[in-house]
């Protein structure tokens, strides 16, 4: 499993979450919401340090990660995050 994201997405997260070099961003599974790969669940994001990270990627000094406990949601597929120009927000794609 990999986390893949465009530079535009990274810039959006940096601005939206007030991220600076050395920060960590976790993608985690939450109950309900949109962009669901598994019915009834969706992805959330939070600025926090990893505890037992399974997958991580460093982009522009920021580390984005998924913890071991949340890997079931992806079914061994990649998390691809693209930027939707129409709604001006990132969108999650299971690749």
Protein backbone atom coordinates (compact mmCIF):
# COMPACT_ATOMS: atom_id res chain seq x y z
CA UNK A 1 0.00 0.00 0.00
CA UNK A 2 1.18 3.51 -0.86
CA UNK A 3 -0.04 7.05 -0.34
CA UNK A 4 0.11 9.02 -3.59
CA UNK A 5 -0.74 12.71 -3.81
CA UNK A 6 -0.19 15.59 -6.18
CA UNK A 7 1.80 18.70 -5.30
CA UNK A 8 -1.45 20.71 -5.43
CA UNK A 9 -2.95 18.48 -2.73
CA UNK A 10 0.12 18.88 -0.53
CA UNK A 11 -0.08 22.67 -0.86
CA UNK A 12 -3.80 22.60 -0.02
CA UNK A 13 -3.17 20.55 3.16
CA UNK A 14 -0.29 22.82 4.17
CA UNK A 15 -2.48 25.88 3.89
CA UNK A 16 -5.70 24.39 5.29
CA UNK A 17 -4.07 22.73 8.31
CA UNK A 18 -1.37 25.41 8.84
CA UNK A 19 1.33 22.78 8.41
CA UNK A 20 5.03 23.47 8.68
CA UNK A 21 8.08 21.36 7.96
CA UNK A 22 8.30 18.41 10.35
CA UNK A 23 4.54 18.08 10.90
CA UNK A 24 2.63 14.80 10.57
CA UNK A 25 -0.82 14.23 9.07
CA UNK A 26 -2.75 11.03 9.76
CA UNK A 27 -5.39 9.56 7.46
CA UNK A 28 -7.74 7.51 9.61
CA UNK A 29 -10.99 5.58 9.28
CA UNK A 30 -14.10 7.14 10.76
CA UNK A 31 -17.73 6.09 10.93
CA UNK A 32 -19.99 7.82 8.37
CA UNK A 33 -19.05 10.63 5.99
CA UNK A 34 -18.30 10.75 2.29
CA UNK A 35 -15.62 9.36 -0.08
CA UNK A 36 -16.31 5.88 1.20
CA UNK A 37 -14.35 2.84 0.04
CA UNK A 38 -16.25 0.74 2.57
CA UNK A 39 -19.94 1.42 3.10
CA UNK A 40 -20.62 3.31 6.32
CA UNK A 41 -17.05 4.56 6.77
CA UNK A 42 -14.90 7.35 5.35
CA UNK A 43 -11.45 8.86 5.75
CA UNK A 44 -10.66 11.57 8.22
CA UNK A 45 -7.48 13.59 8.60
CA UNK A 46 -5.77 14.86 11.71
CA UNK A 47 -2.51 16.56 12.56
CA UNK A 48 -0.85 14.12 14.98
CA UNK A 49 2.30 12.09 15.49
CA UNK A 50 2.41 8.45 14.38
CA UNK A 51 2.30 5.63 16.91
CA UNK A 52 2.35 2.48 14.76
CA UNK A 53 2.43 3.74 11.20
CA UNK A 54 1.97 1.20 8.45
CA UNK A 55 2.33 3.45 5.42
CA UNK A 56 3.88 6.88 5.16
CA UNK A 57 5.10 9.35 2.59
CA UNK A 58 7.06 12.56 3.08
CA UNK A 59 6.15 15.48 0.83
CA UNK A 60 7.64 18.95 1.11
CA UNK A 61 8.75 18.34 4.71
CA UNK A 62 5.35 16.99 5.85
CA UNK A 63 4.85 13.29 6.66
CA UNK A 64 1.46 11.82 5.71
CA UNK A 65 0.68 8.41 7.21
CA UNK A 66 -1.80 5.61 7.89
CA UNK A 67 -1.66 3.65 11.15
CA UNK A 68 -1.66 -0.16 11.29
CA UNK A 69 -5.20 -0.22 12.73
CA UNK A 70 -6.65 1.52 9.65
CA UNK A 71 -5.16 -0.62 6.88
CA UNK A 72 -8.25 -2.88 6.65
CA UNK A 73 -10.11 0.00 5.01
CA UNK A 74 -7.87 -0.04 1.94
CA UNK A 75 -7.90 -3.78 1.24
CA UNK A 76 -4.21 -3.67 0.21
CA UNK A 77 -4.84 -0.92 -2.35
CA UNK A 78 -3.14 2.46 -2.62
CA UNK A 79 -4.61 5.71 -1.32
CA UNK A 80 -4.50 8.24 -4.15
CA UNK A 81 -5.39 11.82 -3.29
CA UNK A 82 -6.13 14.19 -6.15
CA UNK A 83 -7.30 17.79 -6.21
CA UNK A 84 -10.77 18.49 -7.53
CA UNK A 85 -10.65 21.93 -9.17
CA UNK A 86 -14.45 22.18 -9.27
CA UNK A 87 -14.93 21.95 -5.50
CA UNK A 88 -11.39 23.16 -4.71
CA UNK A 89 -10.70 20.29 -2.30
CA UNK A 90 -8.77 17.04 -2.20
CA UNK A 91 -10.62 13.86 -3.15
CA UNK A 92 -9.70 10.33 -2.05
CA UNK A 93 -9.39 7.58 -4.64
CA UNK A 94 -8.65 3.94 -3.87
CA UNK A 95 -6.16 2.82 -6.48
